[in-house]
Amino acid sequence: MMKKFGLIGYPLSHSFSKKYFNSKFEKEKLTDHSYELFPLKKIENFNILIKNHPDLQGLNVTIPYKQKIISYLEECSPEAKAIGAVNTIKIKNNKLYGYNTDVYGFENSLKPLLQPHHKNALILGSGGAAQAVIFVLKELNILYKIISRSKEKGDFTYNETGSIDFENYNIIINTTPLGMSPEINACPNIPYERLNSNCLLYDLVYNPEETLFLKKGKQQGALTKNGLEMLYLQAEKAWEIWNDSL
């Protein structure tokens, strides 16, 4: 029997996951494994997807369903519960279990870049990916503030960035899809001219390789990192979780 895996979210044109996993299967000669993209315009279509694909063993979850998917699952790992977001689903005996491997991917790709002066962070965005980032920053004892479109979801809105003391925040993490292909000319609205060489800019977006957010930071001398290594690390962690059940 084929062992099928896949990715849910919408849209999925930006994703590298299918290529990554199918290349992995080919390299490891796993001829009975496949990975497909399942673009869902509405999360309500999730149950239909599961019913129509009884051979599914596991799924990855991306924007905009990392939080909404939880109500469709039987159980979540303690980490996923604490974060309130799931990016990996294991399917075993017709039951759905949720995990968050973004934490593992983000933490292990961020830590090698940290220097003693990296004490305070600004998080751009307040969605499911931001919750994983917050979880990691707390573990690393890095203080943070959130910039969001909505005052209810963050400490500042983008209209208030002029009043933020950017000299105090030397880690800036973009958790929004702004700048993701094909919208490569977009970037979060922050005063880039106030950044300097003490800053570390981390973008969870990995397509394109260098977003406008990272490009503007680099022009100010900042250290920059995209989300590709995080993708690889979280994907391998997901693979580990799926294999626990196979």
C-alpha atoms as a PDB file:
ATOM      1  CA  MET A   1       0.000   0.000   0.000  1.00  0.00           C
ATOM      2  CA  MET A   2       1.212   3.501  -0.828  1.00  0.00           C
ATOM      3  CA  LYS A   3       2.119   5.657   2.136  1.00  0.00           C
ATOM      4  CA  LYS A   4       0.871   9.105   1.296  1.00  0.00           C
ATOM      5  CA  PHE A   5       1.865  12.398   2.915  1.00  0.00           C
ATOM      6  CA  GLY A   6       1.040  15.974   2.013  1.00  0.00           C
ATOM      7  CA  LEU A   7       0.631  19.651   2.801  1.00  0.00           C
ATOM      8  CA  ILE A   8      -2.544  21.599   3.488  1.00  0.00           C
ATOM      9  CA  GLY A   9      -2.889  25.385   3.349  1.00  0.00           C
ATOM     10  CA  TYR A  10      -3.830  28.058   0.837  1.00  0.00           C
ATOM     11  CA  PRO A  11      -2.263  29.045  -1.459  1.00  0.00           C
ATOM     12  CA  LEU A  12       0.513  26.461  -1.850  1.00  0.00           C
ATOM     13  CA  SER A  13       2.313  27.723  -4.942  1.00  0.00           C
ATOM     14  CA  HIS A  14       5.154  29.008  -2.688  1.00  0.00           C
ATOM     15  CA  SER A  15       5.847  25.661  -1.020  1.00  0.00           C
ATOM     16  CA  PHE A  16       9.035  23.611  -1.377  1.00  0.00           C
ATOM     17  CA  SER A  17       7.646  20.720   0.711  1.00  0.00           C
ATOM     18  CA  LYS A  18       6.531  18.479  -2.159  1.00  0.00           C
ATOM     19  CA  LYS A  19       9.881  18.734  -3.910  1.00  0.00           C
ATOM     20  CA  TYR A  20      11.762  18.261  -0.634  1.00  0.00           C
ATOM     21  CA  PHE A  21       9.956  15.102   0.459  1.00  0.00           C
ATOM     22  CA  ASN A  22       9.680  13.478  -2.963  1.00  0.00           C
ATOM     23  CA  SER A  23      13.435  14.040  -3.465  1.00  0.00           C
ATOM     24  CA  LYS A  24      13.998  12.465  -0.048  1.00  0.00           C
ATOM     25  CA  PHE A  25      11.843   9.445  -0.971  1.00  0.00           C
ATOM     26  CA  GLU A  26      13.699   9.024  -4.249  1.00  0.00           C
ATOM     27  CA  LYS A  27      17.111   9.293  -2.579  1.00  0.00           C
ATOM     28  CA  GLU A  28      16.168   6.804   0.132  1.00  0.00           C
ATOM     29  CA  LYS A  29      14.488   4.484  -2.435  1.00  0.00           C
ATOM     30  CA  LEU A  30      11.115   4.684  -0.671  1.00  0.00           C
ATOM     31  CA  THR A  31       9.135   3.807  -3.787  1.00  0.00           C
ATOM     32  CA  ASP A  32       5.916   3.226  -1.833  1.00  0.00           C
ATOM     33  CA  HIS A  33       5.912   6.808  -0.438  1.00  0.00           C
ATOM     34  CA  SER A  34       4.477   9.940  -2.051  1.00  0.00           C
ATOM     35  CA  TYR A  35       3.898  13.570  -1.051  1.00  0.00           C
ATOM     36  CA  GLU A  36       1.157  15.772  -2.519  1.00  0.00           C
ATOM     37  CA  LEU A  37      -0.099  19.325  -2.166  1.00  0.00           C
ATOM     38  CA  PHE A  38      -3.684  19.744  -0.968  1.00  0.00           C
ATOM     39  CA  PRO A  39      -4.690  23.419  -1.356  1.00  0.00           C
ATOM     40  CA  LEU A  40      -7.792  24.025   0.786  1.00  0.00           C
ATOM     41  CA  LYS A  41      -9.717  27.208   0.093  1.00  0.00           C
ATOM     42  CA  LYS A  42     -11.666  26.601   3.308  1.00  0.00           C
ATOM     43  CA  ILE A  43     -10.646  24.666   6.409  1.00  0.00           C
ATOM     44  CA  GLU A  44     -14.154  23.188   6.405  1.00  0.00           C
ATOM     45  CA  ASN A  45     -13.027  21.035   3.443  1.00  0.00           C
ATOM     46  CA  PHE A  46     -10.475  19.237   5.637  1.00  0.00           C
ATOM     47  CA  ASN A  47     -12.770  16.363   6.675  1.00  0.00           C
ATOM     48  CA  ILE A  48     -13.635  15.696   3.024  1.00  0.00           C
ATOM     49  CA  LEU A  49      -9.915  15.549   2.206  1.00  0.00           C
ATOM     50  CA  ILE A  50      -9.287  12.981   4.953  1.00  0.00           C
ATOM     51  CA  LYS A  51     -12.274  10.895   3.835  1.00  0.00           C
ATOM     52  CA  ASN A  52     -11.164  10.944   0.182  1.00  0.00           C
ATOM     53  CA  HIS A  53      -7.572   9.937   0.992  1.00  0.00           C
ATOM     54  CA  PRO A  54      -7.689   6.968   3.388  1.00  0.00           C
ATOM     55  CA  ASP A  55      -4.017   6.177   2.604  1.00  0.00           C
ATOM     56  CA  LEU A  56      -2.768   9.433   4.182  1.00  0.00           C
ATOM     57  CA  GLN A  57      -0.199   8.800   6.940  1.00  0.00           C
ATOM     58  CA  GLY A  58       0.706  12.389   7.766  1.00  0.00           C
ATOM     59  CA  LEU A  59       0.281  16.028   6.796  1.00  0.00           C
ATOM     60  CA  ASN A  60       2.115  19.302   7.132  1.00  0.00           C
ATOM     61  CA  VAL A  61       0.029  22.415   7.801  1.00  0.00           C
ATOM     62  CA  THR A  62       0.873  25.923   6.600  1.00  0.00           C
ATOM     63  CA  ILE A  63      -0.714  29.377   6.341  1.00  0.00           C
ATOM     64  CA  PRO A  64      -3.539  30.089   7.162  1.00  0.00           C
ATOM     65  CA  TYR A  65      -4.588  26.929   9.047  1.00  0.00           C
ATOM     66  CA  LYS A  66      -1.989  26.296  11.775  1.00  0.00           C
ATOM     67  CA  GLN A  67      -4.412  27.463  14.466  1.00  0.00           C
ATOM     68  CA  LYS A  68      -7.743  26.590  12.860  1.00  0.00           C
ATOM     69  CA  ILE A  69      -6.749  22.940  12.315  1.00  0.00           C
ATOM     70  CA  ILE A  70      -6.632  22.172  16.059  1.00  0.00           C
ATOM     71  CA  SER A  71     -10.409  21.721  16.391  1.00  0.00           C
ATOM     72  CA  TYR A  72     -10.242  18.906  13.790  1.00  0.00           C
ATOM     73  CA  LEU A  73      -7.701  16.843  15.747  1.00  0.00           C
ATOM     74  CA  GLU A  74      -8.165  14.186  18.432  1.00  0.00           C
ATOM     75  CA  GLU A  75      -5.069  15.152  20.382  1.00  0.00           C
ATOM     76  CA  CYS A  76      -2.150  17.612  20.382  1.00  0.00           C
ATOM     77  CA  SER A  77       1.356  17.388  21.800  1.00  0.00           C
ATOM     78  CA  PRO A  78       2.018  19.503  24.934  1.00  0.00           C
ATOM     79  CA  GLU A  79       4.160  21.862  22.820  1.00  0.00           C
ATOM     80  CA  ALA A  80       1.446  22.347  20.187  1.00  0.00           C
ATOM     81  CA  LYS A  81      -1.127  22.961  22.952  1.00  0.00           C
ATOM     82  CA  ALA A  82       1.105  25.564  24.628  1.00  0.00           C
ATOM     83  CA  ILE A  83       1.680  27.354  21.314  1.00  0.00           C
ATOM     84  CA  GLY A  84      -1.884  26.992  20.069  1.00  0.00           C
ATOM     85  CA  ALA A  85      -0.671  26.069  16.577  1.00  0.00           C
ATOM     86  CA  VAL A  86      -0.050  22.827  14.684  1.00  0.00           C
ATOM     87  CA  ASN A  87       2.116  22.351  11.598  1.00  0.00           C
ATOM     88  CA  THR A  88       2.385  18.540  11.571  1.00  0.00           C
ATOM     89  CA  ILE A  89      -0.357  15.908  11.740  1.00  0.00           C
ATOM     90  CA  LYS A  90       0.231  12.220  12.312  1.00  0.00           C
ATOM     91  CA  ILE A  91      -2.597   9.903  11.218  1.00  0.00           C
ATOM     92  CA  LYS A  92      -2.718   6.614  13.094  1.00  0.00           C
ATOM     93  CA  ASN A  93      -5.654   4.168  13.381  1.00  0.00           C
ATOM     94  CA  ASN A  94      -7.930   6.815  11.804  1.00  0.00           C
ATOM     95  CA  LYS A  95      -7.064   9.310  14.540  1.00  0.00           C
ATOM     96  CA  LEU A  96      -5.379  12.671  13.972  1.00  0.00           C
ATOM     97  CA  TYR A  97      -2.592  13.872  16.272  1.00  0.00           C
ATOM     98  CA  GLY A  98      -1.157  17.402  16.109  1.00  0.00           C
ATOM     99  CA  TYR A  99       2.447  18.512  16.653  1.00  0.00           C
ATOM    100  CA  ASN A 100       4.471  21.673  16.197  1.00  0.00           C
ATOM    101  CA  THR A 101       7.903  21.162  14.607  1.00  0.00           C
ATOM    102  CA  ASP A 102       8.307  24.883  13.805  1.00  0.00           C
ATOM    103  CA  VAL A 103       9.669  25.252  17.335  1.00  0.00           C
ATOM    104  CA  TYR A 104      12.450  22.741  16.685  1.00  0.00           C
ATOM    105  CA  GLY A 105      13.243  24.239  13.270  1.00  0.00           C
ATOM    106  CA  PHE A 106      13.251  27.855  14.415  1.00  0.00           C
ATOM    107  CA  GLU A 107      15.233  27.295  17.618  1.00  0.00           C
ATOM    108  CA  ASN A 108      17.967  25.222  15.973  1.00  0.00           C
ATOM    109  CA  SER A 109      18.405  27.635  13.062  1.00  0.00           C
ATOM    110  CA  LEU A 110      18.380  30.761  15.280  1.00  0.00           C
ATOM    111  CA  LYS A 111      20.710  29.709  18.113  1.00  0.00           C
ATOM    112  CA  PRO A 112      23.962  29.625  16.083  1.00  0.00           C
ATOM    113  CA  LEU A 113      23.372  33.278  15.068  1.00  0.00           C
ATOM    114  CA  LEU A 114      22.819  34.682  18.553  1.00  0.00           C
ATOM    115  CA  GLN A 115      25.414  36.965  20.084  1.00  0.00           C
ATOM    116  CA  PRO A 116      25.581  38.291  23.684  1.00  0.00           C
ATOM    117  CA  HIS A 117      23.936  41.604  22.726  1.00  0.00           C
ATOM    118  CA  HIS A 118      20.877  39.885  21.221  1.00  0.00           C
ATOM    119  CA  LYS A 119      18.575  40.403  24.202  1.00  0.00           C
ATOM    120  CA  ASN A 120      15.377  41.950  22.778  1.00  0.00           C
ATOM    121  CA  ALA A 121      13.265  40.967  19.791  1.00  0.00           C
ATOM    122  CA  LEU A 122      10.480  42.429  17.690  1.00  0.00           C
ATOM    123  CA  ILE A 123       8.110  39.893  16.176  1.00  0.00           C
ATOM    124  CA  LEU A 124       6.303  41.013  13.027  1.00  0.00           C
ATOM    125  CA  GLY A 125       2.917  39.298  12.888  1.00  0.00           C
ATOM    126  CA  SER A 126       0.759  37.449  15.404  1.00  0.00           C
ATOM    127  CA  GLY A 127      -0.418  34.273  13.634  1.00  0.00           C
ATOM    128  CA  GLY A 128       0.407  30.594  14.191  1.00  0.00           C
ATOM    129  CA  ALA A 129       4.056  30.927  13.150  1.00  0.00           C
ATOM    130  CA  ALA A 130       4.504  33.833  15.571  1.00  0.00           C
ATOM    131  CA  GLN A 131       3.325  31.635  18.442  1.00  0.00           C
ATOM    132  CA  ALA A 132       6.128  29.134  17.749  1.00  0.00           C
ATOM    133  CA  VAL A 133       8.640  32.012  17.666  1.00  0.00           C
ATOM    134  CA  ILE A 134       7.335  33.330  20.998  1.00  0.00           C
ATOM    135  CA  PHE A 135       7.674  29.864  22.543  1.00  0.00           C
ATOM    136  CA  VAL A 136      11.343  29.683  21.492  1.00  0.00           C
ATOM    137  CA  LEU A 137      12.203  33.238  22.589  1.00  0.00           C
ATOM    138  CA  LYS A 138      10.772  32.516  26.034  1.00  0.00           C
ATOM    139  CA  GLU A 139      12.904  29.363  26.262  1.00  0.00           C
ATOM    140  CA  LEU A 140      15.988  31.398  25.302  1.00  0.00           C
ATOM    141  CA  ASN A 141      15.156  34.204  27.773  1.00  0.00           C
ATOM    142  CA  ILE A 142      14.917  36.766  24.975  1.00  0.00           C
ATOM    143  CA  LEU A 143      12.423  39.560  25.682  1.00  0.00           C
ATOM    144  CA  TYR A 144      10.039  40.393  22.833  1.00  0.00           C
ATOM    145  CA  LYS A 145       7.309  42.712  21.612  1.00  0.00           C
ATOM    146  CA  ILE A 146       4.823  42.036  18.805  1.00  0.00           C
ATOM    147  CA  ILE A 147       3.982  44.365  15.926  1.00  0.00           C
ATOM    148  CA  SER A 148       0.620  43.459  14.405  1.00  0.00           C
ATOM    149  CA  ARG A 149      -1.966  45.009  12.124  1.00  0.00           C
ATOM    150  CA  SER A 150      -4.377  44.838  15.054  1.00  0.00           C
ATOM    151  CA  LYS A 151      -3.731  46.505  18.421  1.00  0.00           C
ATOM    152  CA  GLU A 152      -5.612  43.657  20.123  1.00  0.00           C
ATOM    153  CA  LYS A 153      -3.087  41.089  18.862  1.00  0.00           C
ATOM    154  CA  GLY A 154       0.169  42.940  19.457  1.00  0.00           C
ATOM    155  CA  ASP A 155       2.045  45.492  21.516  1.00  0.00           C
ATOM    156  CA  PHE A 156       2.316  47.921  18.581  1.00  0.00           C
ATOM    157  CA  THR A 157       0.636  48.395  15.226  1.00  0.00           C
ATOM    158  CA  TYR A 158       2.612  49.174  12.073  1.00  0.00           C
ATOM    159  CA  ASN A 159       1.354  52.757  12.337  1.00  0.00           C
ATOM    160  CA  GLU A 160       3.192  53.079  15.653  1.00  0.00           C
ATOM    161  CA  THR A 161       6.630  51.885  14.537  1.00  0.00           C
ATOM    162  CA  GLY A 162       7.929  55.481  14.530  1.00  0.00           C
ATOM    163  CA  SER A 163       7.623  55.538  18.319  1.00  0.00           C
ATOM    164  CA  ILE A 164       9.535  52.271  18.884  1.00  0.00           C
ATOM    165  CA  ASP A 165      13.108  52.523  20.129  1.00  0.00           C
ATOM    166  CA  PHE A 166      14.668  50.284  17.466  1.00  0.00           C
ATOM    167  CA  GLU A 167      18.100  50.635  19.069  1.00  0.00           C
ATOM    168  CA  ASN A 168      16.762  48.424  21.886  1.00  0.00           C
ATOM    169  CA  TYR A 169      15.461  45.683  19.585  1.00  0.00           C
ATOM    170  CA  ASN A 170      18.305  43.985  17.776  1.00  0.00           C
ATOM    171  CA  ILE A 171      16.446  40.838  16.665  1.00  0.00           C
ATOM    172  CA  ILE A 172      13.601  41.384  14.203  1.00  0.00           C
ATOM    173  CA  ILE A 173      11.641  38.326  13.078  1.00  0.00           C
ATOM    174  CA  ASN A 174       9.152  38.396  10.208  1.00  0.00           C
ATOM    175  CA  THR A 175       6.468  35.745  10.709  1.00  0.00           C
ATOM    176  CA  THR A 176       4.092  37.212   8.098  1.00  0.00           C
ATOM    177  CA  PRO A 177       3.852  36.081   4.437  1.00  0.00           C
ATOM    178  CA  LEU A 178       4.797  39.593   3.259  1.00  0.00           C
ATOM    179  CA  GLY A 179       7.455  39.340   0.543  1.00  0.00           C
ATOM    180  CA  MET A 180       6.685  35.733  -0.298  1.00  0.00           C
ATOM    181  CA  SER A 181       6.772  34.829  -3.988  1.00  0.00           C
ATOM    182  CA  PRO A 182       5.083  35.995  -6.168  1.00  0.00           C
ATOM    183  CA  GLU A 183       4.601  39.221  -4.103  1.00  0.00           C
ATOM    184  CA  ILE A 184       8.359  39.813  -3.914  1.00  0.00           C
ATOM    185  CA  ASN A 185       8.118  43.633  -3.851  1.00  0.00           C
ATOM    186  CA  ALA A 186       6.255  43.651  -0.521  1.00  0.00           C
ATOM    187  CA  CYS A 187       7.815  43.900   2.928  1.00  0.00           C
ATOM    188  CA  PRO A 188       6.732  44.747   6.487  1.00  0.00           C
ATOM    189  CA  ASN A 189       6.377  48.491   7.036  1.00  0.00           C
ATOM    190  CA  ILE A 190       9.110  49.298   9.560  1.00  0.00           C
ATOM    191  CA  PRO A 191      11.759  52.088   9.561  1.00  0.00           C
ATOM    192  CA  TYR A 192      14.650  50.114   8.021  1.00  0.00           C
ATOM    193  CA  GLU A 193      16.878  53.218   8.067  1.00  0.00           C
ATOM    194  CA  ARG A 194      17.049  52.858  11.860  1.00  0.00           C
ATOM    195  CA  LEU A 195      18.599  49.367  11.713  1.00  0.00           C
ATOM    196  CA  ASN A 196      22.342  48.797  12.080  1.00  0.00           C
ATOM    197  CA  SER A 197      25.068  46.141  12.148  1.00  0.00           C
ATOM    198  CA  ASN A 198      24.011  44.976  15.633  1.00  0.00           C
ATOM    199  CA  CYS A 199      20.683  43.802  14.216  1.00  0.00           C
ATOM    200  CA  LEU A 200      19.742  40.268  13.272  1.00  0.00           C
ATOM    201  CA  LEU A 201      16.856  40.014  10.779  1.00  0.00           C
ATOM    202  CA  TYR A 202      15.226  36.606  10.483  1.00  0.00           C
ATOM    203  CA  ASP A 203      12.511  35.979   7.868  1.00  0.00           C
ATOM    204  CA  LEU A 204      10.441  32.805   8.096  1.00  0.00           C
ATOM    205  CA  VAL A 205       9.793  33.231   4.352  1.00  0.00           C
ATOM    206  CA  TYR A 206      12.229  31.198   2.221  1.00  0.00           C
ATOM    207  CA  ASN A 207      10.908  31.854  -1.293  1.00  0.00           C
ATOM    208  CA  PRO A 208      12.480  34.070  -2.609  1.00  0.00           C
ATOM    209  CA  GLU A 209      15.820  33.302  -0.980  1.00  0.00           C
ATOM    210  CA  GLU A 210      16.311  36.984  -0.108  1.00  0.00           C
ATOM    211  CA  THR A 211      13.100  38.867   0.593  1.00  0.00           C
ATOM    212  CA  LEU A 212      12.861  42.652   0.402  1.00  0.00           C
ATOM    213  CA  PHE A 213      12.754  42.625   4.233  1.00  0.00           C
ATOM    214  CA  LEU A 214      16.158  40.900   4.349  1.00  0.00           C
ATOM    215  CA  LYS A 215      17.563  42.992   1.503  1.00  0.00           C
ATOM    216  CA  LYS A 216      16.688  46.250   3.286  1.00  0.00           C
ATOM    217  CA  GLY A 217      18.211  44.934   6.504  1.00  0.00           C
ATOM    218  CA  LYS A 218      21.424  43.888   4.754  1.00  0.00           C
ATOM    219  CA  GLN A 219      21.729  47.395   3.268  1.00  0.00           C
ATOM    220  CA  GLN A 220      21.914  48.683   6.858  1.00  0.00           C
ATOM    221  CA  GLY A 221      24.645  46.175   7.742  1.00  0.00           C
ATOM    222  CA  ALA A 222      22.351  43.752   9.586  1.00  0.00           C
ATOM    223  CA  LEU A 223      22.958  40.008   9.773  1.00  0.00           C
ATOM    224  CA  THR A 224      20.172  38.234   7.855  1.00  0.00           C
ATOM    225  CA  LYS A 225      18.705  34.721   7.735  1.00  0.00           C
ATOM    226  CA  ASN A 226      15.839  33.260   5.721  1.00  0.00           C
ATOM    227  CA  GLY A 227      13.551  30.382   6.722  1.00  0.00           C
ATOM    228  CA  LEU A 228      15.000  27.662   4.486  1.00  0.00           C
ATOM    229  CA  GLU A 229      17.079  25.925   7.157  1.00  0.00           C
ATOM    230  CA  MET A 230      14.081  26.125   9.497  1.00  0.00           C
ATOM    231  CA  LEU A 231      12.008  24.435   6.779  1.00  0.00           C
ATOM    232  CA  TYR A 232      14.519  21.588   6.441  1.00  0.00           C
ATOM    233  CA  LEU A 233      14.832  21.099  10.194  1.00  0.00           C
ATOM    234  CA  GLN A 234      11.082  21.125  10.852  1.00  0.00           C
ATOM    235  CA  ALA A 235      10.494  18.809   7.869  1.00  0.00           C
ATOM    236  CA  GLU A 236      12.988  16.257   9.219  1.00  0.00           C
ATOM    237  CA  LYS A 237      11.351  16.481  12.642  1.00  0.00           C
ATOM    238  CA  ALA A 238       7.945  15.881  11.019  1.00  0.00           C
ATOM    239  CA  TRP A 239       9.401  12.863   9.194  1.00  0.00           C
ATOM    240  CA  GLU A 240      10.631  11.513  12.538  1.00  0.00           C
ATOM    241  CA  ILE A 241       7.141  11.929  14.043  1.00  0.00           C
ATOM    242  CA  TRP A 242       5.440  10.219  11.084  1.00  0.00           C
ATOM    243  CA  ASN A 243       7.848   7.301  11.250  1.00  0.00           C
ATOM    244  CA  ASP A 244       7.101   6.741  14.918  1.00  0.00           C
ATOM    245  CA  SER A 245       3.692   5.515  13.750  1.00  0.00           C
ATOM    246  CA  LEU A 246       4.688   3.503  10.660  1.00  0.00           C
END
